[in-house]
N, C-alpha and C. Protein backbone atom coordinates (compact mmCIF):
# COMPACT_ATOMS: atom_id res chain seq x y z
N MET A 1 0.31 10.69 15.35
CA MET A 1 -0.93 11.24 14.62
C MET A 1 -2.15 10.94 15.50
N GLY A 2 -2.24 10.01 16.09
CA GLY A 2 -3.50 9.56 16.85
C GLY A 2 -4.18 10.59 17.74
N ILE A 3 -3.45 10.88 18.83
CA ILE A 3 -3.83 11.90 19.89
C ILE A 3 -4.01 13.34 19.28
N ASP A 4 -3.03 13.54 18.55
CA ASP A 4 -3.20 15.06 18.13
C ASP A 4 -4.35 15.24 16.99
N LEU A 5 -4.30 14.08 16.23
CA LEU A 5 -5.57 14.40 15.31
C LEU A 5 -6.97 14.33 16.20
N CYS A 6 -7.01 13.70 17.11
CA CYS A 6 -8.42 13.69 17.95
C CYS A 6 -8.48 14.93 18.63
N LYS A 7 -7.31 15.46 19.38
CA LYS A 7 -7.46 17.07 20.03
C LYS A 7 -7.91 17.86 19.00
N ARG A 8 -7.33 17.70 17.56
CA ARG A 8 -7.77 18.55 16.63
C ARG A 8 -9.33 18.84 16.49
N ALA A 9 -9.77 17.23 16.03
CA ALA A 9 -11.12 17.17 15.60
C ALA A 9 -11.97 17.44 16.86
N ILE A 10 -11.58 17.44 18.23
CA ILE A 10 -12.63 18.03 19.31
C ILE A 10 -12.50 19.40 19.32
N ALA A 11 -11.48 20.08 18.98
CA ALA A 11 -11.55 21.60 18.89
C ALA A 11 -12.10 22.15 17.72
N VAL A 12 -11.92 21.44 16.61
CA VAL A 12 -12.56 21.75 15.51
C VAL A 12 -14.20 21.67 15.63
N THR A 13 -14.58 20.56 16.22
CA THR A 13 -15.86 20.02 16.28
C THR A 13 -16.65 21.22 17.29
N GLN A 14 -16.04 21.43 18.17
CA GLN A 14 -16.52 22.34 19.35
C GLN A 14 -17.08 23.64 18.94
N ARG A 15 -16.05 24.02 17.87
CA ARG A 15 -16.21 25.54 17.40
C ARG A 15 -17.30 25.38 16.28
N ARG A 16 -17.45 24.29 15.66
CA ARG A 16 -18.32 24.00 14.41
C ARG A 16 -19.70 24.00 14.91
N TYR A 17 -19.89 22.86 16.05
CA TYR A 17 -21.18 22.52 16.63
C TYR A 17 -21.48 23.21 17.60
N ASN A 18 -20.79 23.57 18.65
CA ASN A 18 -21.21 24.27 20.01
C ASN A 18 -22.54 23.47 20.66
N HIS A 19 -22.40 22.37 20.69
CA HIS A 19 -23.50 21.79 21.49
C HIS A 19 -23.20 20.97 22.47
N HIS A 20 -24.10 20.50 23.05
CA HIS A 20 -23.87 19.34 24.53
C HIS A 20 -22.44 18.74 24.21
N PRO A 21 -21.66 18.58 25.17
CA PRO A 21 -20.31 18.02 25.10
C PRO A 21 -20.63 16.50 24.41
N THR A 22 -21.62 15.72 24.66
CA THR A 22 -21.83 14.46 24.32
C THR A 22 -21.70 14.35 22.66
N ARG A 23 -22.70 15.46 22.17
CA ARG A 23 -22.88 15.50 20.80
C ARG A 23 -21.60 16.11 20.15
N VAL A 24 -20.66 16.74 20.87
CA VAL A 24 -19.38 17.16 20.29
C VAL A 24 -18.72 16.03 20.24
N TYR A 25 -18.66 14.97 21.04
CA TYR A 25 -18.04 13.93 21.21
C TYR A 25 -18.27 13.19 20.03
N THR A 26 -19.32 12.67 19.77
CA THR A 26 -19.69 11.98 18.82
C THR A 26 -19.78 12.44 17.38
N LYS A 27 -19.56 13.73 17.15
CA LYS A 27 -19.37 14.44 15.99
C LYS A 27 -17.78 14.55 15.64
N ALA A 28 -16.88 14.65 16.85
CA ALA A 28 -15.69 14.58 16.82
C ALA A 28 -15.18 13.34 16.43
N LEU A 29 -15.59 12.04 16.98
CA LEU A 29 -15.60 10.98 16.38
C LEU A 29 -15.61 10.79 14.80
N ARG A 30 -16.74 10.90 14.43
CA ARG A 30 -17.09 10.90 13.27
C ARG A 30 -16.00 11.60 12.41
N ASP A 31 -15.83 12.88 12.81
CA ASP A 31 -14.80 13.79 11.97
C ASP A 31 -13.58 12.95 11.82
N VAL A 32 -13.00 12.65 12.81
CA VAL A 32 -11.86 11.96 12.85
C VAL A 32 -11.77 10.45 11.99
N GLU A 33 -12.83 9.71 12.02
CA GLU A 33 -13.18 8.47 11.25
C GLU A 33 -12.98 8.92 9.72
N LYS A 34 -13.18 10.01 9.21
CA LYS A 34 -13.79 10.48 7.95
C LYS A 34 -12.18 10.95 7.45
N TRP A 35 -11.69 11.58 8.41
CA TRP A 35 -10.22 12.21 8.15
C TRP A 35 -9.44 10.98 7.76
N LEU A 36 -9.56 10.06 8.81
CA LEU A 36 -8.65 8.71 8.57
C LEU A 36 -8.86 7.91 7.42
N ARG A 37 -10.18 7.73 6.96
CA ARG A 37 -10.45 7.02 5.82
C ARG A 37 -9.93 7.90 4.82
N GLU A 38 -10.01 9.15 4.55
CA GLU A 38 -9.11 9.88 3.60
C GLU A 38 -7.76 9.71 3.59
N LEU A 39 -7.20 9.84 4.98
CA LEU A 39 -5.67 9.38 4.91
C LEU A 39 -5.32 8.05 4.66
N GLY A 40 -6.36 7.12 4.49
CA GLY A 40 -6.08 5.58 4.13
C GLY A 40 -5.48 4.91 5.31
N SER A 41 -5.97 5.36 6.65
CA SER A 41 -5.59 4.80 7.70
C SER A 41 -6.72 4.53 8.83
N ILE A 42 -7.90 3.88 7.97
CA ILE A 42 -9.20 3.37 8.74
C ILE A 42 -8.71 2.22 9.84
N GLU A 43 -7.67 1.52 9.53
CA GLU A 43 -7.51 0.51 10.54
C GLU A 43 -7.09 1.21 12.30
N ARG A 44 -6.78 2.40 12.21
CA ARG A 44 -6.54 3.05 13.35
C ARG A 44 -7.99 3.56 14.25
N ALA A 45 -8.88 3.44 13.39
CA ALA A 45 -10.31 3.92 13.83
C ALA A 45 -10.69 2.96 14.90
N ASP A 46 -10.20 1.65 15.15
CA ASP A 46 -10.75 1.13 16.46
C ASP A 46 -10.23 1.73 17.63
N ASP A 47 -9.28 2.33 17.51
CA ASP A 47 -8.60 3.10 18.73
C ASP A 47 -9.40 4.45 19.17
N LEU A 48 -9.82 5.13 18.31
CA LEU A 48 -10.55 6.32 18.37
C LEU A 48 -11.35 6.45 19.68
N LYS A 49 -12.39 5.65 19.78
CA LYS A 49 -13.09 5.57 21.07
C LYS A 49 -12.38 5.60 22.36
N ARG A 50 -11.31 5.02 22.25
CA ARG A 50 -10.47 4.81 23.54
C ARG A 50 -9.66 6.18 23.87
N ILE A 51 -9.12 6.56 22.53
CA ILE A 51 -8.13 7.63 22.62
C ILE A 51 -9.02 8.81 23.23
N LEU A 52 -10.23 8.95 22.35
CA LEU A 52 -11.01 10.04 22.88
C LEU A 52 -11.47 10.11 24.39
N GLU A 53 -11.59 8.90 24.73
CA GLU A 53 -12.31 8.92 26.16
C GLU A 53 -11.09 9.13 27.13
N GLU A 54 -9.75 8.95 26.54
CA GLU A 54 -8.71 9.18 27.34
C GLU A 54 -8.58 10.58 27.52
N ILE A 55 -8.53 11.13 26.23
CA ILE A 55 -8.67 13.01 26.34
C ILE A 55 -9.64 13.37 27.20
N ASP A 56 -11.01 12.91 27.03
CA ASP A 56 -11.92 13.44 27.92
C ASP A 56 -11.73 13.41 29.32
N ASP A 57 -11.24 12.12 29.78
CA ASP A 57 -10.72 11.97 31.08
C ASP A 57 -9.57 12.77 31.65
N ASN A 58 -8.76 12.91 30.78
CA ASN A 58 -7.68 13.57 31.25
C ASN A 58 -7.58 15.13 31.01
N GLY A 59 -8.68 15.68 30.36
CA GLY A 59 -8.69 17.21 29.93
C GLY A 59 -8.01 17.35 28.67
């Protein structure tokens, strides 16, 4: 769930906001946190920044 959800959040957020990449990253992180809360998996939120940074570094 983690990496696929983060990739989805980034793609959706890029389309939705179309701003500077840093703003997209921040908004994507918020979106993923919101989705995890809705799914009842907020304990995974601690890993989100690291996962998103890995995606950002690796494309």
